[in-house]
Amino acid sequence: MTGPATVPSAPPAPAGRRARGPRWRRREPADEPSPEPRLYSDDGLPVFVVPHGDFVACSYTGCGALRLVEDVAAKAPCTACGRV
């Protein structure tokens, strides 16, 4: 024996052609989702639905504005009433 056994490899591709990977078919673009219908309260004001974990209501009497949890934790004043 003169050396380790070699496994025959595939013949090299011709000079004008390259080996290509798997071919993927281009898909049709997906339809854009339609906007959710707006909800209105009895007095005609729009109702915004937000995740319950990201916002809290201002605790000052009569305010009730939604505040970011990060702002409340940082003791930033409320944007609606200015209270901390």
PDB file of N, CA and C in Angstrom:
ATOM      1  N   MET A   1       0.838  -1.175   0.000  1.00  0.00           N
ATOM      2  CA  MET A   1       0.000   0.000   0.000  1.00  0.00           C
ATOM      3  C   MET A   1       0.882   1.237   0.000  1.00  0.00           C
ATOM      4  N   THR A   2       0.440   2.200  -0.772  1.00  0.00           N
ATOM      5  CA  THR A   2       1.253   3.391  -0.902  1.00  0.00           C
ATOM      6  C   THR A   2       0.701   4.565  -0.105  1.00  0.00           C
ATOM      7  N   GLY A   3      -0.540   4.564   0.294  1.00  0.00           N
ATOM      8  CA  GLY A   3      -1.109   5.677   1.046  1.00  0.00           C
ATOM      9  C   GLY A   3      -2.539   5.369   1.442  1.00  0.00           C
ATOM     10  N   PRO A   4      -3.217   6.314   2.066  1.00  0.00           N
ATOM     11  CA  PRO A   4      -4.595   6.069   2.482  1.00  0.00           C
ATOM     12  C   PRO A   4      -5.498   5.923   1.265  1.00  0.00           C
ATOM     13  N   ALA A   5      -6.547   5.168   1.442  1.00  0.00           N
ATOM     14  CA  ALA A   5      -7.498   4.950   0.351  1.00  0.00           C
ATOM     15  C   ALA A   5      -8.239   6.252   0.077  1.00  0.00           C
ATOM     16  N   THR A   6      -8.435   6.562  -1.174  1.00  0.00           N
ATOM     17  CA  THR A   6      -9.155   7.771  -1.548  1.00  0.00           C
ATOM     18  C   THR A   6     -10.496   7.393  -2.120  1.00  0.00           C
ATOM     19  N   VAL A   7     -11.476   8.237  -1.854  1.00  0.00           N
ATOM     20  CA  VAL A   7     -12.818   8.020  -2.374  1.00  0.00           C
ATOM     21  C   VAL A   7     -12.910   8.800  -3.667  1.00  0.00           C
ATOM     22  N   PRO A   8     -13.364   8.158  -4.744  1.00  0.00           N
ATOM     23  CA  PRO A   8     -13.474   8.900  -6.009  1.00  0.00           C
ATOM     24  C   PRO A   8     -14.515  10.005  -5.859  1.00  0.00           C
ATOM     25  N   SER A   9     -14.192  11.173  -6.348  1.00  0.00           N
ATOM     26  CA  SER A   9     -15.122  12.304  -6.261  1.00  0.00           C
ATOM     27  C   SER A   9     -15.815  12.480  -7.607  1.00  0.00           C
ATOM     28  N   ALA A  10     -16.836  13.321  -7.604  1.00  0.00           N
ATOM     29  CA  ALA A  10     -17.572  13.582  -8.835  1.00  0.00           C
ATOM     30  C   ALA A  10     -16.650  14.318  -9.804  1.00  0.00           C
ATOM     31  N   PRO A  11     -16.848  14.098 -11.085  1.00  0.00           N
ATOM     32  CA  PRO A  11     -16.007  14.799 -12.054  1.00  0.00           C
ATOM     33  C   PRO A  11     -16.266  16.293 -11.969  1.00  0.00           C
ATOM     34  N   PRO A  12     -15.274  17.123 -12.218  1.00  0.00           N
ATOM     35  CA  PRO A  12     -15.477  18.573 -12.140  1.00  0.00           C
ATOM     36  C   PRO A  12     -16.479  19.034 -13.191  1.00  0.00           C
ATOM     37  N   ALA A  13     -17.211  20.087 -12.849  1.00  0.00           N
ATOM     38  CA  ALA A  13     -18.210  20.631 -13.767  1.00  0.00           C
ATOM     39  C   ALA A  13     -17.501  21.280 -14.944  1.00  0.00           C
ATOM     40  N   PRO A  14     -18.126  21.269 -16.125  1.00  0.00           N
ATOM     41  CA  PRO A  14     -17.525  21.936 -17.273  1.00  0.00           C
ATOM     42  C   PRO A  14     -17.282  23.418 -16.967  1.00  0.00           C
ATOM     43  N   ALA A  15     -16.361  24.032 -17.687  1.00  0.00           N
ATOM     44  CA  ALA A  15     -15.947  25.401 -17.399  1.00  0.00           C
ATOM     45  C   ALA A  15     -17.093  26.399 -17.518  1.00  0.00           C
ATOM     46  N   GLY A  16     -18.028  26.201 -18.386  1.00  0.00           N
ATOM     47  CA  GLY A  16     -19.106  27.160 -18.605  1.00  0.00           C
ATOM     48  C   GLY A  16     -20.281  26.992 -17.666  1.00  0.00           C
ATOM     49  N   ARG A  17     -20.316  25.935 -16.876  1.00  0.00           N
ATOM     50  CA  ARG A  17     -21.462  25.673 -16.004  1.00  0.00           C
ATOM     51  C   ARG A  17     -21.012  25.583 -14.563  1.00  0.00           C
ATOM     52  N   ARG A  18     -21.824  26.106 -13.679  1.00  0.00           N
ATOM     53  CA  ARG A  18     -21.523  26.010 -12.261  1.00  0.00           C
ATOM     54  C   ARG A  18     -22.544  25.107 -11.598  1.00  0.00           C
ATOM     55  N   ALA A  19     -22.136  24.487 -10.523  1.00  0.00           N
ATOM     56  CA  ALA A  19     -23.078  23.674  -9.758  1.00  0.00           C
ATOM     57  C   ALA A  19     -24.006  24.613  -9.001  1.00  0.00           C
ATOM     58  N   ARG A  20     -25.271  24.311  -9.004  1.00  0.00           N
ATOM     59  CA  ARG A  20     -26.256  25.156  -8.325  1.00  0.00           C
ATOM     60  C   ARG A  20     -26.806  24.423  -7.124  1.00  0.00           C
ATOM     61  N   GLY A  21     -27.217  25.210  -6.153  1.00  0.00           N
ATOM     62  CA  GLY A  21     -27.864  24.647  -4.971  1.00  0.00           C
ATOM     63  C   GLY A  21     -29.300  24.291  -5.299  1.00  0.00           C
ATOM     64  N   PRO A  22     -30.063  23.996  -4.281  1.00  0.00           N
ATOM     65  CA  PRO A  22     -31.473  23.654  -4.541  1.00  0.00           C
ATOM     66  C   PRO A  22     -32.214  24.850  -5.109  1.00  0.00           C
ATOM     67  N   ARG A  23     -33.106  24.587  -6.004  1.00  0.00           N
ATOM     68  CA  ARG A  23     -33.866  25.663  -6.632  1.00  0.00           C
ATOM     69  C   ARG A  23     -35.113  25.922  -5.800  1.00  0.00           C
ATOM     70  N   TRP A  24     -35.387  27.185  -5.574  1.00  0.00           N
ATOM     71  CA  TRP A  24     -36.556  27.578  -4.804  1.00  0.00           C
ATOM     72  C   TRP A  24     -37.513  28.323  -5.721  1.00  0.00           C
ATOM     73  N   ARG A  25     -38.752  27.986  -5.619  1.00  0.00           N
ATOM     74  CA  ARG A  25     -39.757  28.641  -6.430  1.00  0.00           C
ATOM     75  C   ARG A  25     -40.181  29.931  -5.728  1.00  0.00           C
ATOM     76  N   ARG A  26     -40.251  31.006  -6.468  1.00  0.00           N
ATOM     77  CA  ARG A  26     -40.672  32.279  -5.894  1.00  0.00           C
ATOM     78  C   ARG A  26     -42.157  32.202  -5.606  1.00  0.00           C
ATOM     79  N   ARG A  27     -42.532  32.566  -4.391  1.00  0.00           N
ATOM     80  CA  ARG A  27     -43.927  32.485  -3.986  1.00  0.00           C
ATOM     81  C   ARG A  27     -44.665  33.767  -4.335  1.00  0.00           C
ATOM     82  N   GLU A  28     -45.956  33.630  -4.448  1.00  0.00           N
ATOM     83  CA  GLU A  28     -46.801  34.791  -4.676  1.00  0.00           C
ATOM     84  C   GLU A  28     -46.766  35.663  -3.422  1.00  0.00           C
ATOM     85  N   PRO A  29     -46.779  36.982  -3.574  1.00  0.00           N
ATOM     86  CA  PRO A  29     -46.779  37.827  -2.374  1.00  0.00           C
ATOM     87  C   PRO A  29     -48.061  37.610  -1.577  1.00  0.00           C
ATOM     88  N   ALA A  30     -47.925  37.611  -0.271  1.00  0.00           N
ATOM     89  CA  ALA A  30     -49.079  37.404   0.595  1.00  0.00           C
ATOM     90  C   ALA A  30     -49.941  38.658   0.608  1.00  0.00           C
ATOM     91  N   ASP A  31     -51.235  38.459   0.714  1.00  0.00           N
ATOM     92  CA  ASP A  31     -52.146  39.594   0.798  1.00  0.00           C
ATOM     93  C   ASP A  31     -51.914  40.325   2.110  1.00  0.00           C
ATOM     94  N   GLU A  32     -51.985  41.655   2.042  1.00  0.00           N
ATOM     95  CA  GLU A  32     -51.835  42.439   3.261  1.00  0.00           C
ATOM     96  C   GLU A  32     -53.080  42.243   4.114  1.00  0.00           C
ATOM     97  N   PRO A  33     -52.883  42.077   5.420  1.00  0.00           N
ATOM     98  CA  PRO A  33     -54.069  41.897   6.267  1.00  0.00           C
ATOM     99  C   PRO A  33     -54.889  43.178   6.304  1.00  0.00           C
ATOM    100  N   SER A  34     -56.178  43.010   6.293  1.00  0.00           N
ATOM    101  CA  SER A  34     -57.043  44.185   6.336  1.00  0.00           C
ATOM    102  C   SER A  34     -56.996  44.779   7.746  1.00  0.00           C
ATOM    103  N   PRO A  35     -57.092  46.100   7.849  1.00  0.00           N
ATOM    104  CA  PRO A  35     -57.054  46.695   9.186  1.00  0.00           C
ATOM    105  C   PRO A  35     -58.263  46.252   9.996  1.00  0.00           C
ATOM    106  N   GLU A  36     -58.030  46.101  11.301  1.00  0.00           N
ATOM    107  CA  GLU A  36     -59.133  45.671  12.151  1.00  0.00           C
ATOM    108  C   GLU A  36     -60.187  46.774  12.207  1.00  0.00           C
ATOM    109  N   PRO A  37     -61.435  46.391  12.297  1.00  0.00           N
ATOM    110  CA  PRO A  37     -62.477  47.415  12.355  1.00  0.00           C
ATOM    111  C   PRO A  37     -62.337  48.231  13.644  1.00  0.00           C
ATOM    112  N   ARG A  38     -62.597  49.529  13.531  1.00  0.00           N
ATOM    113  CA  ARG A  38     -62.488  50.396  14.701  1.00  0.00           C
ATOM    114  C   ARG A  38     -63.697  50.196  15.600  1.00  0.00           C
ATOM    115  N   LEU A  39     -63.424  50.266  16.882  1.00  0.00           N
ATOM    116  CA  LEU A  39     -64.497  50.178  17.875  1.00  0.00           C
ATOM    117  C   LEU A  39     -64.755  51.572  18.410  1.00  0.00           C
ATOM    118  N   TYR A  40     -66.029  51.887  18.606  1.00  0.00           N
ATOM    119  CA  TYR A  40     -66.403  53.193  19.139  1.00  0.00           C
ATOM    120  C   TYR A  40     -67.253  52.999  20.382  1.00  0.00           C
ATOM    121  N   SER A  41     -67.047  53.872  21.351  1.00  0.00           N
ATOM    122  CA  SER A  41     -67.849  53.810  22.567  1.00  0.00           C
ATOM    123  C   SER A  41     -69.219  54.431  22.292  1.00  0.00           C
ATOM    124  N   ASP A  42     -70.076  54.421  23.304  1.00  0.00           N
ATOM    125  CA  ASP A  42     -71.434  54.952  23.136  1.00  0.00           C
ATOM    126  C   ASP A  42     -71.442  56.441  22.822  1.00  0.00           C
ATOM    127  N   ASP A  43     -70.421  57.170  23.301  1.00  0.00           N
ATOM    128  CA  ASP A  43     -70.386  58.610  23.047  1.00  0.00           C
ATOM    129  C   ASP A  43     -69.630  58.969  21.778  1.00  0.00           C
ATOM    130  N   GLY A  44     -69.231  57.982  20.970  1.00  0.00           N
ATOM    131  CA  GLY A  44     -68.608  58.233  19.679  1.00  0.00           C
ATOM    132  C   GLY A  44     -67.093  58.310  19.689  1.00  0.00           C
ATOM    133  N   LEU A  45     -66.473  58.172  20.847  1.00  0.00           N
ATOM    134  CA  LEU A  45     -65.012  58.201  20.918  1.00  0.00           C
ATOM    135  C   LEU A  45     -64.440  56.844  20.531  1.00  0.00           C
ATOM    136  N   PRO A  46     -63.296  56.828  19.828  1.00  0.00           N
ATOM    137  CA  PRO A  46     -62.713  55.532  19.460  1.00  0.00           C
ATOM    138  C   PRO A  46     -62.170  54.799  20.693  1.00  0.00           C
ATOM    139  N   VAL A  47     -62.265  53.482  20.656  1.00  0.00           N
ATOM    140  CA  VAL A  47     -61.762  52.635  21.735  1.00  0.00           C
ATOM    141  C   VAL A  47     -60.487  51.984  21.244  1.00  0.00           C
ATOM    142  N   PHE A  48     -59.394  52.139  21.984  1.00  0.00           N
ATOM    143  CA  PHE A  48     -58.119  51.542  21.630  1.00  0.00           C
ATOM    144  C   PHE A  48     -57.868  50.353  22.539  1.00  0.00           C
ATOM    145  N   VAL A  49     -57.581  49.222  21.945  1.00  0.00           N
ATOM    146  CA  VAL A  49     -57.290  48.019  22.714  1.00  0.00           C
ATOM    147  C   VAL A  49     -55.783  47.848  22.757  1.00  0.00           C
ATOM    148  N   VAL A  50     -55.223  47.778  23.959  1.00  0.00           N
ATOM    149  CA  VAL A  50     -53.780  47.638  24.136  1.00  0.00           C
ATOM    150  C   VAL A  50     -53.508  46.429  25.020  1.00  0.00           C
ATOM    151  N   PRO A  51     -52.318  45.824  24.893  1.00  0.00           N
ATOM    152  CA  PRO A  51     -51.994  44.700  25.778  1.00  0.00           C
ATOM    153  C   PRO A  51     -52.005  45.148  27.235  1.00  0.00           C
ATOM    154  N   HIS A  52     -52.532  44.310  28.097  1.00  0.00           N
ATOM    155  CA  HIS A  52     -52.688  44.703  29.493  1.00  0.00           C
ATOM    156  C   HIS A  52     -51.360  44.783  30.243  1.00  0.00           C
ATOM    157  N   GLY A  53     -50.311  44.174  29.746  1.00  0.00           N
ATOM    158  CA  GLY A  53     -49.044  44.162  30.464  1.00  0.00           C
ATOM    159  C   GLY A  53     -48.170  45.358  30.192  1.00  0.00           C
ATOM    160  N   ASP A  54     -48.442  46.139  29.157  1.00  0.00           N
ATOM    161  CA  ASP A  54     -47.568  47.238  28.790  1.00  0.00           C
ATOM    162  C   ASP A  54     -48.003  48.576  29.377  1.00  0.00           C
ATOM    163  N   PHE A  55     -49.251  48.717  29.731  1.00  0.00           N
ATOM    164  CA  PHE A  55     -49.789  49.993  30.178  1.00  0.00           C
ATOM    165  C   PHE A  55     -50.518  49.821  31.503  1.00  0.00           C
ATOM    166  N   VAL A  56     -50.578  50.899  32.246  1.00  0.00           N
ATOM    167  CA  VAL A  56     -51.418  50.962  33.441  1.00  0.00           C
ATOM    168  C   VAL A  56     -52.162  52.288  33.386  1.00  0.00           C
ATOM    169  N   ALA A  57     -53.296  52.351  34.066  1.00  0.00           N
ATOM    170  CA  ALA A  57     -54.075  53.582  34.098  1.00  0.00           C
ATOM    171  C   ALA A  57     -53.524  54.500  35.186  1.00  0.00           C
ATOM    172  N   CYS A  58     -53.558  55.797  34.926  1.00  0.00           N
ATOM    173  CA  CYS A  58     -53.122  56.790  35.911  1.00  0.00           C
ATOM    174  C   CYS A  58     -54.041  56.682  37.119  1.00  0.00           C
ATOM    175  N   SER A  59     -53.458  56.689  38.305  1.00  0.00           N
ATOM    176  CA  SER A  59     -54.245  56.491  39.522  1.00  0.00           C
ATOM    177  C   SER A  59     -54.838  57.789  40.066  1.00  0.00           C
ATOM    178  N   TYR A  60     -54.508  58.931  39.478  1.00  0.00           N
ATOM    179  CA  TYR A  60     -55.057  60.188  39.971  1.00  0.00           C
ATOM    180  C   TYR A  60     -56.547  60.238  39.666  1.00  0.00           C
ATOM    181  N   THR A  61     -57.323  60.728  40.610  1.00  0.00           N
ATOM    182  CA  THR A  61     -58.776  60.761  40.471  1.00  0.00           C
ATOM    183  C   THR A  61     -59.193  61.580  39.257  1.00  0.00           C
ATOM    184  N   GLY A  62     -59.976  60.976  38.384  1.00  0.00           N
ATOM    185  CA  GLY A  62     -60.504  61.669  37.213  1.00  0.00           C
ATOM    186  C   GLY A  62     -59.598  61.628  35.995  1.00  0.00           C
ATOM    187  N   CYS A  63     -58.346  61.155  36.127  1.00  0.00           N
ATOM    188  CA  CYS A  63     -57.438  61.132  34.970  1.00  0.00           C
ATOM    189  C   CYS A  63     -57.619  59.827  34.196  1.00  0.00           C
ATOM    190  N   GLY A  64     -57.088  58.735  34.696  1.00  0.00           N
ATOM    191  CA  GLY A  64     -57.267  57.427  34.071  1.00  0.00           C
ATOM    192  C   GLY A  64     -56.543  57.237  32.760  1.00  0.00           C
ATOM    193  N   ALA A  65     -55.614  58.141  32.400  1.00  0.00           N
ATOM    194  CA  ALA A  65     -54.870  58.003  31.142  1.00  0.00           C
ATOM    195  C   ALA A  65     -53.963  56.779  31.208  1.00  0.00           C
ATOM    196  N   LEU A  66     -53.756  56.161  30.072  1.00  0.00           N
ATOM    197  CA  LEU A  66     -52.860  55.002  30.029  1.00  0.00           C
ATOM    198  C   LEU A  66     -51.418  55.474  30.049  1.00  0.00           C
ATOM    199  N   ARG A  67     -50.619  54.855  30.912  1.00  0.00           N
ATOM    200  CA  ARG A  67     -49.206  55.211  31.045  1.00  0.00           C
ATOM    201  C   ARG A  67     -48.373  53.960  30.838  1.00  0.00           C
ATOM    202  N   LEU A  68     -47.221  54.119  30.228  1.00  0.00           N
ATOM    203  CA  LEU A  68     -46.312  52.986  30.059  1.00  0.00           C
ATOM    204  C   LEU A  68     -45.805  52.525  31.413  1.00  0.00           C
ATOM    205  N   VAL A  69     -45.646  51.227  31.572  1.00  0.00           N
ATOM    206  CA  VAL A  69     -45.160  50.673  32.824  1.00  0.00           C
ATOM    207  C   VAL A  69     -43.758  51.207  33.131  1.00  0.00           C
ATOM    208  N   GLU A  70     -42.924  51.364  32.095  1.00  0.00           N
ATOM    209  CA  GLU A  70     -41.568  51.869  32.302  1.00  0.00           C
ATOM    210  C   GLU A  70     -41.595  53.296  32.852  1.00  0.00           C
ATOM    211  N   ASP A  71     -42.537  54.130  32.369  1.00  0.00           N
ATOM    212  CA  ASP A  71     -42.649  55.503  32.857  1.00  0.00           C
ATOM    213  C   ASP A  71     -43.085  55.529  34.320  1.00  0.00           C
ATOM    214  N   VAL A  72     -44.008  54.648  34.673  1.00  0.00           N
ATOM    215  CA  VAL A  72     -44.478  54.594  36.050  1.00  0.00           C
ATOM    216  C   VAL A  72     -43.341  54.146  36.967  1.00  0.00           C
ATOM    217  N   ALA A  73     -42.581  53.140  36.536  1.00  0.00           N
ATOM    218  CA  ALA A  73     -41.468  52.647  37.355  1.00  0.00           C
ATOM    219  C   ALA A  73     -40.377  53.706  37.500  1.00  0.00           C
ATOM    220  N   ALA A  74     -40.199  54.556  36.474  1.00  0.00           N
ATOM    221  CA  ALA A  74     -39.196  55.611  36.539  1.00  0.00           C
ATOM    222  C   ALA A  74     -39.729  56.862  37.222  1.00  0.00           C
ATOM    223  N   LYS A  75     -40.982  56.823  37.689  1.00  0.00           N
ATOM    224  CA  LYS A  75     -41.644  57.951  38.352  1.00  0.00           C
ATOM    225  C   LYS A  75     -41.676  59.204  37.477  1.00  0.00           C
ATOM    226  N   ALA A  76     -41.933  59.013  36.190  1.00  0.00           N
ATOM    227  CA  ALA A  76     -42.097  60.129  35.261  1.00  0.00           C
ATOM    228  C   ALA A  76     -43.511  60.676  35.408  1.00  0.00           C
ATOM    229  N   PRO A  77     -43.701  61.979  35.243  1.00  0.00           N
ATOM    230  CA  PRO A  77     -45.048  62.554  35.382  1.00  0.00           C
ATOM    231  C   PRO A  77     -45.986  62.068  34.279  1.00  0.00           C
ATOM    232  N   CYS A  78     -47.260  62.004  34.601  1.00  0.00           N
ATOM    233  CA  CYS A  78     -48.288  61.594  33.635  1.00  0.00           C
ATOM    234  C   CYS A  78     -48.383  62.662  32.547  1.00  0.00           C
ATOM    235  N   THR A  79     -48.514  62.233  31.301  1.00  0.00           N
ATOM    236  CA  THR A  79     -48.614  63.185  30.201  1.00  0.00           C
ATOM    237  C   THR A  79     -49.960  63.888  30.156  1.00  0.00           C
ATOM    238  N   ALA A  80     -50.976  63.295  30.775  1.00  0.00           N
ATOM    239  CA  ALA A  80     -52.313  63.894  30.747  1.00  0.00           C
ATOM    240  C   ALA A  80     -52.531  64.893  31.888  1.00  0.00           C
ATOM    241  N   CYS A  81     -52.179  64.507  33.118  1.00  0.00           N
ATOM    242  CA  CYS A  81     -52.482  65.378  34.257  1.00  0.00           C
ATOM    243  C   CYS A  81     -51.229  65.972  34.911  1.00  0.00           C
ATOM    244  N   GLY A  82     -50.044  65.442  34.589  1.00  0.00           N
ATOM    245  CA  GLY A  82     -48.802  65.986  35.137  1.00  0.00           C
ATOM    246  C   GLY A  82     -48.442  65.483  36.515  1.00  0.00           C
ATOM    247  N   ARG A  83     -49.263  64.620  37.100  1.00  0.00           N
ATOM    248  CA  ARG A  83     -48.969  64.067  38.424  1.00  0.00           C
ATOM    249  C   ARG A  83     -47.994  62.911  38.311  1.00  0.00           C
ATOM    250  N   VAL A  84     -47.259  62.653  39.375  1.00  0.00           N
ATOM    251  CA  VAL A  84     -46.282  61.552  39.360  1.00  0.00           C
ATOM    252  C   VAL A  84     -46.939  60.282  39.749  1.00  0.00           C
TER     253      VAL A  84
END
